[in-house]
Amino acid sequence: MSEAMRLCRIDEIPDGTARGFLIGEGPARLDFFVYRRGEQVFAYRNACPHQGTPLELFPDRFLTSDRQRFLCSTHGALFRTDDGYCVRGPCKGKSLQPFTIMSEAGWLLLPVSESC
């Protein structure tokens, strides 16, 4: 395996929830979130395609109350969890930007190429 930074254990993200991560500072800062569904994880940059604002107003609150979609708290856009596609709102038809993470031996890992 190439060099990578450990983010957390997969089981630290409860099934059906999402967790945000901020890595670094200034212009090089990475803001992304990871959604877990069973053993699958989906990662996206934490930026709405409408205006680039973070999706959540409160830490780790990326999902609708029924936990079926991601919600942009700024303008109400709704995104599918499995591919980040916007199904409703001002950016309908656009998608969240996928973010590269890896998993190994129960850990979520950020490839060094992403963290530079």
PDB file of N, CA and C in Angstrom:
ATOM      1  N   MET A   1       0.843  -1.190   0.000  1.00  0.00           N
ATOM      2  CA  MET A   1       0.000   0.000   0.000  1.00  0.00           C
ATOM      3  C   MET A   1       0.882   1.246   0.000  1.00  0.00           C
ATOM      4  N   SER A   2       0.482   2.260  -0.758  1.00  0.00           N
ATOM      5  CA  SER A   2       1.212   3.515  -0.746  1.00  0.00           C
ATOM      6  C   SER A   2       0.957   4.224   0.579  1.00  0.00           C
ATOM      7  N   GLU A   3       1.738   5.262   0.824  1.00  0.00           N
ATOM      8  CA  GLU A   3       1.616   5.992   2.085  1.00  0.00           C
ATOM      9  C   GLU A   3       0.249   6.662   2.194  1.00  0.00           C
ATOM     10  N   ALA A   4      -0.334   6.602   3.386  1.00  0.00           N
ATOM     11  CA  ALA A   4      -1.659   7.177   3.605  1.00  0.00           C
ATOM     12  C   ALA A   4      -1.794   7.621   5.055  1.00  0.00           C
ATOM     13  N   MET A   5      -2.696   8.558   5.279  1.00  0.00           N
ATOM     14  CA  MET A   5      -2.992   9.064   6.620  1.00  0.00           C
ATOM     15  C   MET A   5      -4.261   8.383   7.130  1.00  0.00           C
ATOM     16  N   ARG A   6      -4.204   7.860   8.346  1.00  0.00           N
ATOM     17  CA  ARG A   6      -5.397   7.277   8.953  1.00  0.00           C
ATOM     18  C   ARG A   6      -6.368   8.376   9.352  1.00  0.00           C
ATOM     19  N   LEU A   7      -7.637   8.185   8.965  1.00  0.00           N
ATOM     20  CA  LEU A   7      -8.685   9.141   9.333  1.00  0.00           C
ATOM     21  C   LEU A   7      -9.424   8.677  10.579  1.00  0.00           C
ATOM     22  N   CYS A   8      -9.951   7.453  10.533  1.00  0.00           N
ATOM     23  CA  CYS A   8     -10.658   6.865  11.656  1.00  0.00           C
ATOM     24  C   CYS A   8     -10.949   5.413  11.305  1.00  0.00           C
ATOM     25  N   ARG A   9     -11.429   4.668  12.260  1.00  0.00           N
ATOM     26  CA  ARG A   9     -11.894   3.315  11.979  1.00  0.00           C
ATOM     27  C   ARG A   9     -13.266   3.420  11.316  1.00  0.00           C
ATOM     28  N   ILE A  10     -13.555   2.521  10.400  1.00  0.00           N
ATOM     29  CA  ILE A  10     -14.846   2.544   9.711  1.00  0.00           C
ATOM     30  C   ILE A  10     -15.991   2.467  10.716  1.00  0.00           C
ATOM     31  N   ASP A  11     -15.834   1.648  11.750  1.00  0.00           N
ATOM     32  CA  ASP A  11     -16.930   1.490  12.718  1.00  0.00           C
ATOM     33  C   ASP A  11     -17.128   2.702  13.621  1.00  0.00           C
ATOM     34  N   GLU A  12     -16.277   3.726  13.494  1.00  0.00           N
ATOM     35  CA  GLU A  12     -16.490   4.980  14.219  1.00  0.00           C
ATOM     36  C   GLU A  12     -17.534   5.859  13.526  1.00  0.00           C
ATOM     37  N   ILE A  13     -17.908   5.493  12.313  1.00  0.00           N
ATOM     38  CA  ILE A  13     -18.992   6.166  11.607  1.00  0.00           C
ATOM     39  C   ILE A  13     -20.177   5.198  11.636  1.00  0.00           C
ATOM     40  N   PRO A  14     -21.187   5.465  12.442  1.00  0.00           N
ATOM     41  CA  PRO A  14     -22.323   4.542  12.515  1.00  0.00           C
ATOM     42  C   PRO A  14     -22.971   4.337  11.139  1.00  0.00           C
ATOM     43  N   ASP A  15     -23.433   3.124  10.910  1.00  0.00           N
ATOM     44  CA  ASP A  15     -24.085   2.792   9.647  1.00  0.00           C
ATOM     45  C   ASP A  15     -25.225   3.774   9.365  1.00  0.00           C
ATOM     46  N   GLY A  16     -25.274   4.280   8.133  1.00  0.00           N
ATOM     47  CA  GLY A  16     -26.335   5.205   7.737  1.00  0.00           C
ATOM     48  C   GLY A  16     -26.090   6.645   8.144  1.00  0.00           C
ATOM     49  N   THR A  17     -24.857   6.982   8.553  1.00  0.00           N
ATOM     50  CA  THR A  17     -24.540   8.353   8.938  1.00  0.00           C
ATOM     51  C   THR A  17     -23.312   8.837   8.171  1.00  0.00           C
ATOM     52  N   ALA A  18     -22.992  10.105   8.344  1.00  0.00           N
ATOM     53  CA  ALA A  18     -21.845  10.712   7.678  1.00  0.00           C
ATOM     54  C   ALA A  18     -21.017  11.474   8.707  1.00  0.00           C
ATOM     55  N   ARG A  19     -19.746  11.586   8.408  1.00  0.00           N
ATOM     56  CA  ARG A  19     -18.825  12.308   9.296  1.00  0.00           C
ATOM     57  C   ARG A  19     -17.933  13.211   8.453  1.00  0.00           C
ATOM     58  N   GLY A  20     -17.775  14.447   8.897  1.00  0.00           N
ATOM     59  CA  GLY A  20     -16.935  15.404   8.196  1.00  0.00           C
ATOM     60  C   GLY A  20     -15.498  15.379   8.685  1.00  0.00           C
ATOM     61  N   PHE A  21     -14.597  15.782   7.794  1.00  0.00           N
ATOM     62  CA  PHE A  21     -13.169  15.850   8.104  1.00  0.00           C
ATOM     63  C   PHE A  21     -12.607  17.144   7.544  1.00  0.00           C
ATOM     64  N   LEU A  22     -11.773  17.811   8.338  1.00  0.00           N
ATOM     65  CA  LEU A  22     -10.998  18.977   7.902  1.00  0.00           C
ATOM     66  C   LEU A  22      -9.531  18.626   8.107  1.00  0.00           C
ATOM     67  N   ILE A  23      -8.765  18.677   7.030  1.00  0.00           N
ATOM     68  CA  ILE A  23      -7.345  18.345   7.095  1.00  0.00           C
ATOM     69  C   ILE A  23      -6.565  19.548   6.591  1.00  0.00           C
ATOM     70  N   GLY A  24      -5.619  20.031   7.389  1.00  0.00           N
ATOM     71  CA  GLY A  24      -4.770  21.127   6.971  1.00  0.00           C
ATOM     72  C   GLY A  24      -5.379  22.490   7.246  1.00  0.00           C
ATOM     73  N   GLU A  25      -4.692  23.510   6.705  1.00  0.00           N
ATOM     74  CA  GLU A  25      -5.106  24.894   6.921  1.00  0.00           C
ATOM     75  C   GLU A  25      -4.939  25.706   5.649  1.00  0.00           C
ATOM     76  N   GLY A  26      -5.537  26.880   5.642  1.00  0.00           N
ATOM     77  CA  GLY A  26      -5.373  27.819   4.531  1.00  0.00           C
ATOM     78  C   GLY A  26      -5.883  27.266   3.214  1.00  0.00           C
ATOM     79  N   PRO A  27      -5.294  27.702   2.106  1.00  0.00           N
ATOM     80  CA  PRO A  27      -5.779  27.298   0.785  1.00  0.00           C
ATOM     81  C   PRO A  27      -5.627  25.795   0.520  1.00  0.00           C
ATOM     82  N   ALA A  28      -4.736  25.136   1.222  1.00  0.00           N
ATOM     83  CA  ALA A  28      -4.525  23.698   1.023  1.00  0.00           C
ATOM     84  C   ALA A  28      -5.459  22.836   1.883  1.00  0.00           C
ATOM     85  N   ARG A  29      -6.320  23.476   2.663  1.00  0.00           N
ATOM     86  CA  ARG A  29      -7.213  22.734   3.565  1.00  0.00           C
ATOM     87  C   ARG A  29      -8.176  21.858   2.777  1.00  0.00           C
ATOM     88  N   LEU A  30      -8.349  20.628   3.244  1.00  0.00           N
ATOM     89  CA  LEU A  30      -9.295  19.692   2.649  1.00  0.00           C
ATOM     90  C   LEU A  30     -10.522  19.606   3.538  1.00  0.00           C
ATOM     91  N   ASP A  31     -11.692  19.792   2.954  1.00  0.00           N
ATOM     92  CA  ASP A  31     -12.964  19.705   3.666  1.00  0.00           C
ATOM     93  C   ASP A  31     -13.797  18.667   2.918  1.00  0.00           C
ATOM     94  N   PHE A  32     -14.030  17.533   3.553  1.00  0.00           N
ATOM     95  CA  PHE A  32     -14.768  16.457   2.910  1.00  0.00           C
ATOM     96  C   PHE A  32     -15.556  15.683   3.954  1.00  0.00           C
ATOM     97  N   PHE A  33     -16.437  14.797   3.486  1.00  0.00           N
ATOM     98  CA  PHE A  33     -17.189  13.974   4.414  1.00  0.00           C
ATOM     99  C   PHE A  33     -17.301  12.559   3.867  1.00  0.00           C
ATOM    100  N   VAL A  34     -17.522  11.634   4.781  1.00  0.00           N
ATOM    101  CA  VAL A  34     -17.634  10.220   4.447  1.00  0.00           C
ATOM    102  C   VAL A  34     -18.981   9.720   4.953  1.00  0.00           C
ATOM    103  N   TYR A  35     -19.700   9.051   4.071  1.00  0.00           N
ATOM    104  CA  TYR A  35     -20.987   8.437   4.400  1.00  0.00           C
ATOM    105  C   TYR A  35     -20.795   6.929   4.410  1.00  0.00           C
ATOM    106  N   ARG A  36     -21.322   6.283   5.427  1.00  0.00           N
ATOM    107  CA  ARG A  36     -21.203   4.832   5.534  1.00  0.00           C
ATOM    108  C   ARG A  36     -22.560   4.170   5.361  1.00  0.00           C
ATOM    109  N   ARG A  37     -22.593   3.159   4.504  1.00  0.00           N
ATOM    110  CA  ARG A  37     -23.763   2.304   4.348  1.00  0.00           C
ATOM    111  C   ARG A  37     -23.246   0.869   4.399  1.00  0.00           C
ATOM    112  N   GLY A  38     -23.448   0.219   5.544  1.00  0.00           N
ATOM    113  CA  GLY A  38     -22.894  -1.116   5.743  1.00  0.00           C
ATOM    114  C   GLY A  38     -21.379  -1.055   5.709  1.00  0.00           C
ATOM    115  N   GLU A  39     -20.784  -1.868   4.876  1.00  0.00           N
ATOM    116  CA  GLU A  39     -19.327  -1.841   4.743  1.00  0.00           C
ATOM    117  C   GLU A  39     -18.871  -0.910   3.623  1.00  0.00           C
ATOM    118  N   GLN A  40     -19.829  -0.308   2.898  1.00  0.00           N
ATOM    119  CA  GLN A  40     -19.485   0.638   1.840  1.00  0.00           C
ATOM    120  C   GLN A  40     -19.308   2.022   2.435  1.00  0.00           C
ATOM    121  N   VAL A  41     -18.367   2.767   1.869  1.00  0.00           N
ATOM    122  CA  VAL A  41     -18.200   4.169   2.246  1.00  0.00           C
ATOM    123  C   VAL A  41     -18.155   5.003   0.969  1.00  0.00           C
ATOM    124  N   PHE A  42     -18.750   6.188   1.059  1.00  0.00           N
ATOM    125  CA  PHE A  42     -18.790   7.127  -0.045  1.00  0.00           C
ATOM    126  C   PHE A  42     -18.223   8.435   0.486  1.00  0.00           C
ATOM    127  N   ALA A  43     -17.315   9.044  -0.236  1.00  0.00           N
ATOM    128  CA  ALA A  43     -16.697  10.285   0.219  1.00  0.00           C
ATOM    129  C   ALA A  43     -16.882  11.379  -0.832  1.00  0.00           C
ATOM    130  N   TYR A  44     -17.153  12.597  -0.336  1.00  0.00           N
ATOM    131  CA  TYR A  44     -17.377  13.743  -1.209  1.00  0.00           C
ATOM    132  C   TYR A  44     -16.729  14.982  -0.601  1.00  0.00           C
ATOM    133  N   ARG A  45     -16.310  15.893  -1.457  1.00  0.00           N
ATOM    134  CA  ARG A  45     -15.869  17.197  -0.964  1.00  0.00           C
ATOM    135  C   ARG A  45     -17.080  17.878  -0.335  1.00  0.00           C
ATOM    136  N   ASN A  46     -16.857  18.575   0.745  1.00  0.00           N
ATOM    137  CA  ASN A  46     -17.941  19.245   1.461  1.00  0.00           C
ATOM    138  C   ASN A  46     -18.168  20.628   0.855  1.00  0.00           C
ATOM    139  N   ALA A  47     -18.697  20.624  -0.363  1.00  0.00           N
ATOM    140  CA  ALA A  47     -18.966  21.872  -1.074  1.00  0.00           C
ATOM    141  C   ALA A  47     -20.156  21.658  -2.001  1.00  0.00           C
ATOM    142  N   CYS A  48     -21.218  22.400  -1.785  1.00  0.00           N
ATOM    143  CA  CYS A  48     -22.393  22.318  -2.646  1.00  0.00           C
ATOM    144  C   CYS A  48     -22.035  22.855  -4.031  1.00  0.00           C
ATOM    145  N   PRO A  49     -22.429  22.168  -5.096  1.00  0.00           N
ATOM    146  CA  PRO A  49     -22.122  22.670  -6.441  1.00  0.00           C
ATOM    147  C   PRO A  49     -22.831  23.987  -6.782  1.00  0.00           C
ATOM    148  N   HIS A  50     -23.817  24.384  -5.994  1.00  0.00           N
ATOM    149  CA  HIS A  50     -24.536  25.630  -6.254  1.00  0.00           C
ATOM    150  C   HIS A  50     -23.658  26.850  -5.997  1.00  0.00           C
ATOM    151  N   GLN A  51     -23.094  26.948  -4.791  1.00  0.00           N
ATOM    152  CA  GLN A  51     -22.264  28.112  -4.457  1.00  0.00           C
ATOM    153  C   GLN A  51     -20.982  27.749  -3.729  1.00  0.00           C
ATOM    154  N   GLY A  52     -20.705  26.463  -3.574  1.00  0.00           N
ATOM    155  CA  GLY A  52     -19.469  26.041  -2.937  1.00  0.00           C
ATOM    156  C   GLY A  52     -19.490  26.068  -1.420  1.00  0.00           C
ATOM    157  N   THR A  53     -20.641  26.357  -0.820  1.00  0.00           N
ATOM    158  CA  THR A  53     -20.729  26.395   0.639  1.00  0.00           C
ATOM    159  C   THR A  53     -20.730  24.974   1.199  1.00  0.00           C
ATOM    160  N   PRO A  54     -20.253  24.792   2.444  1.00  0.00           N
ATOM    161  CA  PRO A  54     -20.353  23.472   3.068  1.00  0.00           C
ATOM    162  C   PRO A  54     -21.817  23.045   3.175  1.00  0.00           C
ATOM    163  N   LEU A  55     -22.061  21.753   3.132  1.00  0.00           N
ATOM    164  CA  LEU A  55     -23.433  21.261   3.187  1.00  0.00           C
ATOM    165  C   LEU A  55     -24.072  21.463   4.551  1.00  0.00           C
ATOM    166  N   GLU A  56     -23.321  21.237   5.629  1.00  0.00           N
ATOM    167  CA  GLU A  56     -23.917  21.229   6.957  1.00  0.00           C
ATOM    168  C   GLU A  56     -23.720  22.543   7.698  1.00  0.00           C
ATOM    169  N   LEU A  57     -24.713  22.876   8.542  1.00  0.00           N
ATOM    170  CA  LEU A  57     -24.582  24.035   9.435  1.00  0.00           C
ATOM    171  C   LEU A  57     -24.003  23.607  10.777  1.00  0.00           C
ATOM    172  N   PHE A  58     -24.280  22.369  11.174  1.00  0.00           N
ATOM    173  CA  PHE A  58     -23.802  21.823  12.436  1.00  0.00           C
ATOM    174  C   PHE A  58     -22.924  20.614  12.126  1.00  0.00           C
ATOM    175  N   PRO A  59     -21.896  20.381  12.917  1.00  0.00           N
ATOM    176  CA  PRO A  59     -20.966  19.290  12.611  1.00  0.00           C
ATOM    177  C   PRO A  59     -21.665  17.953  12.347  1.00  0.00           C
ATOM    178  N   ASP A  60     -21.278  17.341  11.243  1.00  0.00           N
ATOM    179  CA  ASP A  60     -21.699  15.988  10.867  1.00  0.00           C
ATOM    180  C   ASP A  60     -23.185  15.840  10.568  1.00  0.00           C
ATOM    181  N   ARG A  61     -23.894  16.922  10.333  1.00  0.00           N
ATOM    182  CA  ARG A  61     -25.321  16.842   9.969  1.00  0.00           C
ATOM    183  C   ARG A  61     -25.476  17.043   8.461  1.00  0.00           C
ATOM    184  N   PHE A  62     -25.167  15.995   7.732  1.00  0.00           N
ATOM    185  CA  PHE A  62     -25.183  16.032   6.270  1.00  0.00           C
ATOM    186  C   PHE A  62     -26.463  15.455   5.679  1.00  0.00           C
ATOM    187  N   LEU A  63     -27.241  14.745   6.480  1.00  0.00           N
ATOM    188  CA  LEU A  63     -28.366  13.983   5.962  1.00  0.00           C
ATOM    189  C   LEU A  63     -29.719  14.595   6.309  1.00  0.00           C
ATOM    190  N   THR A  64     -30.713  14.269   5.484  1.00  0.00           N
ATOM    191  CA  THR A  64     -32.089  14.640   5.792  1.00  0.00           C
ATOM    192  C   THR A  64     -32.523  13.870   7.042  1.00  0.00           C
ATOM    193  N   SER A  65     -33.628  14.271   7.641  1.00  0.00           N
ATOM    194  CA  SER A  65     -34.075  13.629   8.888  1.00  0.00           C
ATOM    195  C   SER A  65     -34.368  12.135   8.711  1.00  0.00           C
ATOM    196  N   ASP A  66     -34.760  11.716   7.493  1.00  0.00           N
ATOM    197  CA  ASP A  66     -34.993  10.285   7.261  1.00  0.00           C
ATOM    198  C   ASP A  66     -33.720   9.558   6.807  1.00  0.00           C
ATOM    199  N   ARG A  67     -32.616  10.286   6.717  1.00  0.00           N
ATOM    200  CA  ARG A  67     -31.282   9.767   6.361  1.00  0.00           C
ATOM    201  C   ARG A  67     -31.234   9.124   4.975  1.00  0.00           C
ATOM    202  N   GLN A  68     -32.094   9.608   4.069  1.00  0.00           N
ATOM    203  CA  GLN A  68     -32.137   9.060   2.711  1.00  0.00           C
ATOM    204  C   GLN A  68     -31.335   9.882   1.697  1.00  0.00           C
ATOM    205  N   ARG A  69     -31.075  11.148   2.013  1.00  0.00           N
ATOM    206  CA  ARG A  69     -30.379  12.050   1.089  1.00  0.00           C
ATOM    207  C   ARG A  69     -29.445  12.958   1.874  1.00  0.00           C
ATOM    208  N   PHE A  70     -28.429  13.485   1.161  1.00  0.00           N
ATOM    209  CA  PHE A  70     -27.629  14.564   1.720  1.00  0.00           C
ATOM    210  C   PHE A  70     -28.409  15.858   1.504  1.00  0.00           C
ATOM    211  N   LEU A  71     -28.288  16.779   2.438  1.00  0.00           N
ATOM    212  CA  LEU A  71     -28.998  18.048   2.381  1.00  0.00           C
ATOM    213  C   LEU A  71     -28.014  19.196   2.484  1.00  0.00           C
ATOM    214  N   CYS A  72     -28.095  20.136   1.543  1.00  0.00           N
ATOM    215  CA  CYS A  72     -27.346  21.380   1.672  1.00  0.00           C
ATOM    216  C   CYS A  72     -28.200  22.299   2.539  1.00  0.00           C
ATOM    217  N   SER A  73     -27.713  22.588   3.720  1.00  0.00           N
ATOM    218  CA  SER A  73     -28.478  23.402   4.662  1.00  0.00           C
ATOM    219  C   SER A  73     -28.622  24.847   4.220  1.00  0.00           C
ATOM    220  N   THR A  74     -27.804  25.307   3.298  1.00  0.00           N
ATOM    221  CA  THR A  74     -27.876  26.694   2.850  1.00  0.00           C
ATOM    222  C   THR A  74     -29.084  26.946   1.955  1.00  0.00           C
ATOM    223  N   HIS A  75     -29.305  26.098   0.939  1.00  0.00           N
ATOM    224  CA  HIS A  75     -30.387  26.337  -0.021  1.00  0.00           C
ATOM    225  C   HIS A  75     -31.311  25.146  -0.220  1.00  0.00           C
ATOM    226  N   GLY A  76     -31.169  24.097   0.579  1.00  0.00           N
ATOM    227  CA  GLY A  76     -32.098  22.984   0.542  1.00  0.00           C
ATOM    228  C   GLY A  76     -31.898  21.970  -0.569  1.00  0.00           C
ATOM    229  N   ALA A  77     -30.781  22.003  -1.264  1.00  0.00           N
ATOM    230  CA  ALA A  77     -30.532  21.018  -2.318  1.00  0.00           C
ATOM    231  C   ALA A  77     -30.445  19.623  -1.702  1.00  0.00           C
ATOM    232  N   LEU A  78     -30.960  18.627  -2.434  1.00  0.00           N
ATOM    233  CA  LEU A  78     -30.930  17.237  -1.989  1.00  0.00           C
ATOM    234  C   LEU A  78     -30.100  16.412  -2.954  1.00  0.00           C
ATOM    235  N   PHE A  79     -29.248  15.537  -2.402  1.00  0.00           N
ATOM    236  CA  PHE A  79     -28.323  14.730  -3.185  1.00  0.00           C
ATOM    237  C   PHE A  79     -28.468  13.256  -2.826  1.00  0.00           C
ATOM    238  N   ARG A  80     -28.359  12.388  -3.830  1.00  0.00           N
ATOM    239  CA  ARG A  80     -28.353  10.951  -3.571  1.00  0.00           C
ATOM    240  C   ARG A  80     -27.073  10.587  -2.828  1.00  0.00           C
ATOM    241  N   THR A  81     -27.180   9.623  -1.923  1.00  0.00           N
ATOM    242  CA  THR A  81     -26.015   9.245  -1.114  1.00  0.00           C
ATOM    243  C   THR A  81     -25.018   8.378  -1.875  1.00  0.00           C
ATOM    244  N   ASP A  82     -25.491   7.599  -2.851  1.00  0.00           N
ATOM    245  CA  ASP A  82     -24.573   6.672  -3.517  1.00  0.00           C
ATOM    246  C   ASP A  82     -23.741   7.291  -4.633  1.00  0.00           C
ATOM    247  N   ASP A  83     -24.163   8.448  -5.163  1.00  0.00           N
ATOM    248  CA  ASP A  83     -23.365   9.065  -6.221  1.00  0.00           C
ATOM    249  C   ASP A  83     -23.291  10.598  -6.121  1.00  0.00           C
ATOM    250  N   GLY A  84     -23.935  11.206  -5.126  1.00  0.00           N
ATOM    251  CA  GLY A  84     -23.861  12.645  -4.919  1.00  0.00           C
ATOM    252  C   GLY A  84     -24.643  13.477  -5.913  1.00  0.00           C
ATOM    253  N   TYR A  85     -25.490  12.854  -6.717  1.00  0.00           N
ATOM    254  CA  TYR A  85     -26.261  13.557  -7.746  1.00  0.00           C
ATOM    255  C   TYR A  85     -27.385  14.374  -7.101  1.00  0.00           C
ATOM    256  N   CYS A  86     -27.527  15.640  -7.519  1.00  0.00           N
ATOM    257  CA  CYS A  86     -28.551  16.522  -6.969  1.00  0.00           C
ATOM    258  C   CYS A  86     -29.889  16.249  -7.645  1.00  0.00           C
ATOM    259  N   VAL A  87     -30.871  15.885  -6.834  1.00  0.00           N
ATOM    260  CA  VAL A  87     -32.206  15.562  -7.344  1.00  0.00           C
ATOM    261  C   VAL A  87     -33.214  16.686  -7.131  1.00  0.00           C
ATOM    262  N   ARG A  88     -32.874  17.666  -6.285  1.00  0.00           N
ATOM    263  CA  ARG A  88     -33.774  18.788  -6.033  1.00  0.00           C
ATOM    264  C   ARG A  88     -32.986  19.977  -5.519  1.00  0.00           C
ATOM    265  N   GLY A  89     -33.386  21.156  -5.951  1.00  0.00           N
ATOM    266  CA  GLY A  89     -32.747  22.374  -5.468  1.00  0.00           C
ATOM    267  C   GLY A  89     -32.099  23.162  -6.585  1.00  0.00           C
ATOM    268  N   PRO A  90     -31.391  24.230  -6.228  1.00  0.00           N
ATOM    269  CA  PRO A  90     -30.839  25.148  -7.227  1.00  0.00           C
ATOM    270  C   PRO A  90     -29.726  24.547  -8.085  1.00  0.00           C
ATOM    271  N   CYS A  91     -29.180  23.420  -7.694  1.00  0.00           N
ATOM    272  CA  CYS A  91     -28.118  22.800  -8.504  1.00  0.00           C
ATOM    273  C   CYS A  91     -28.569  21.448  -9.074  1.00  0.00           C
ATOM    274  N   LYS A  92     -29.879  21.283  -9.246  1.00  0.00           N
ATOM    275  CA  LYS A  92     -30.434  20.032  -9.764  1.00  0.00           C
ATOM    276  C   LYS A  92     -29.711  19.634 -11.049  1.00  0.00           C
ATOM    277  N   GLY A  93     -29.323  18.358 -11.106  1.00  0.00           N
ATOM    278  CA  GLY A  93     -28.606  17.840 -12.263  1.00  0.00           C
ATOM    279  C   GLY A  93     -27.098  17.872 -12.116  1.00  0.00           C
ATOM    280  N   LYS A  94     -26.584  18.602 -11.142  1.00  0.00           N
ATOM    281  CA  LYS A  94     -25.138  18.612 -10.864  1.00  0.00           C
ATOM    282  C   LYS A  94     -24.862  17.600  -9.769  1.00  0.00           C
ATOM    283  N   SER A  95     -23.596  17.393  -9.463  1.00  0.00           N
ATOM    284  CA  SER A  95     -23.226  16.394  -8.458  1.00  0.00           C
ATOM    285  C   SER A  95     -22.177  16.926  -7.496  1.00  0.00           C
ATOM    286  N   LEU A  96     -22.193  16.365  -6.299  1.00  0.00           N
ATOM    287  CA  LEU A  96     -21.104  16.603  -5.362  1.00  0.00           C
ATOM    288  C   LEU A  96     -19.841  15.995  -5.961  1.00  0.00           C
ATOM    289  N   GLN A  97     -18.696  16.574  -5.624  1.00  0.00           N
ATOM    290  CA  GLN A  97     -17.429  16.061  -6.155  1.00  0.00           C
ATOM    291  C   GLN A  97     -16.964  14.873  -5.325  1.00  0.00           C
ATOM    292  N   PRO A  98     -16.816  13.692  -5.943  1.00  0.00           N
ATOM    293  CA  PRO A  98     -16.325  12.534  -5.185  1.00  0.00           C
ATOM    294  C   PRO A  98     -14.930  12.814  -4.632  1.00  0.00           C
ATOM    295  N   PHE A  99     -14.637  12.182  -3.525  1.00  0.00           N
ATOM    296  CA  PHE A  99     -13.356  12.387  -2.849  1.00  0.00           C
ATOM    297  C   PHE A  99     -12.708  11.027  -2.638  1.00  0.00           C
ATOM    298  N   THR A 100     -11.430  10.934  -2.913  1.00  0.00           N
ATOM    299  CA  THR A 100     -10.722   9.659  -2.829  1.00  0.00           C
ATOM    300  C   THR A 100     -10.304   9.337  -1.399  1.00  0.00           C
ATOM    301  N   ILE A 101     -10.814   8.220  -0.898  1.00  0.00           N
ATOM    302  CA  ILE A 101     -10.323   7.640   0.343  1.00  0.00           C
ATOM    303  C   ILE A 101     -10.170   6.142   0.098  1.00  0.00           C
ATOM    304  N   MET A 102      -9.477   5.480   0.992  1.00  0.00           N
ATOM    305  CA  MET A 102      -9.291   4.038   0.881  1.00  0.00           C
ATOM    306  C   MET A 102      -9.682   3.418   2.213  1.00  0.00           C
ATOM    307  N   SER A 103      -9.880   2.118   2.207  1.00  0.00           N
ATOM    308  CA  SER A 103     -10.089   1.408   3.468  1.00  0.00           C
ATOM    309  C   SER A 103      -9.176   0.194   3.478  1.00  0.00           C
ATOM    310  N   GLU A 104      -8.663  -0.094   4.650  1.00  0.00           N
ATOM    311  CA  GLU A 104      -7.776  -1.232   4.824  1.00  0.00           C
ATOM    312  C   GLU A 104      -7.811  -1.663   6.279  1.00  0.00           C
ATOM    313  N   ALA A 105      -8.067  -2.938   6.486  1.00  0.00           N
ATOM    314  CA  ALA A 105      -8.061  -3.526   7.835  1.00  0.00           C
ATOM    315  C   ALA A 105      -8.947  -2.736   8.802  1.00  0.00           C
ATOM    316  N   GLY A 106     -10.113  -2.265   8.322  1.00  0.00           N
ATOM    317  CA  GLY A 106     -11.055  -1.562   9.186  1.00  0.00           C
ATOM    318  C   GLY A 106     -10.795  -0.079   9.353  1.00  0.00           C
ATOM    319  N   TRP A 107      -9.779   0.458   8.690  1.00  0.00           N
ATOM    320  CA  TRP A 107      -9.436   1.880   8.789  1.00  0.00           C
ATOM    321  C   TRP A 107      -9.806   2.616   7.511  1.00  0.00           C
ATOM    322  N   LEU A 108     -10.236   3.863   7.640  1.00  0.00           N
ATOM    323  CA  LEU A 108     -10.373   4.758   6.500  1.00  0.00           C
ATOM    324  C   LEU A 108      -9.067   5.521   6.374  1.00  0.00           C
ATOM    325  N   LEU A 109      -8.569   5.585   5.154  1.00  0.00           N
ATOM    326  CA  LEU A 109      -7.259   6.175   4.901  1.00  0.00           C
ATOM    327  C   LEU A 109      -7.346   7.245   3.830  1.00  0.00           C
ATOM    328  N   LEU A 110      -6.607   8.315   4.026  1.00  0.00           N
ATOM    329  CA  LEU A 110      -6.503   9.376   3.038  1.00  0.00           C
ATOM    330  C   LEU A 110      -5.165   9.213   2.320  1.00  0.00           C
ATOM    331  N   PRO A 111      -5.188   8.948   0.994  1.00  0.00           N
ATOM    332  CA  PRO A 111      -3.924   8.822   0.272  1.00  0.00           C
ATOM    333  C   PRO A 111      -3.110  10.113   0.400  1.00  0.00           C
ATOM    334  N   VAL A 112      -1.797   9.967   0.534  1.00  0.00           N
ATOM    335  CA  VAL A 112      -0.938  11.136   0.702  1.00  0.00           C
ATOM    336  C   VAL A 112      -1.103  12.100  -0.472  1.00  0.00           C
ATOM    337  N   SER A 113      -1.353  11.601  -1.672  1.00  0.00           N
ATOM    338  CA  SER A 113      -1.538  12.482  -2.831  1.00  0.00           C
ATOM    339  C   SER A 113      -2.717  13.429  -2.627  1.00  0.00           C
ATOM    340  N   GLU A 114      -3.753  13.010  -1.901  1.00  0.00           N
ATOM    341  CA  GLU A 114      -4.902  13.874  -1.628  1.00  0.00           C
ATOM    342  C   GLU A 114      -4.591  14.904  -0.535  1.00  0.00           C
ATOM    343  N   SER A 115      -3.723  14.538   0.385  1.00  0.00           N
ATOM    344  CA  SER A 115      -3.479  15.427   1.530  1.00  0.00           C
ATOM    345  C   SER A 115      -2.380  16.449   1.273  1.00  0.00           C
ATOM    346  N   CYS A 116      -1.744  16.400   0.126  1.00  0.00           N
ATOM    347  CA  CYS A 116      -0.669  17.359  -0.182  1.00  0.00           C
ATOM    348  C   CYS A 116      -1.209  18.631  -0.774  1.00  0.00           C
TER     349      CYS A 116
END
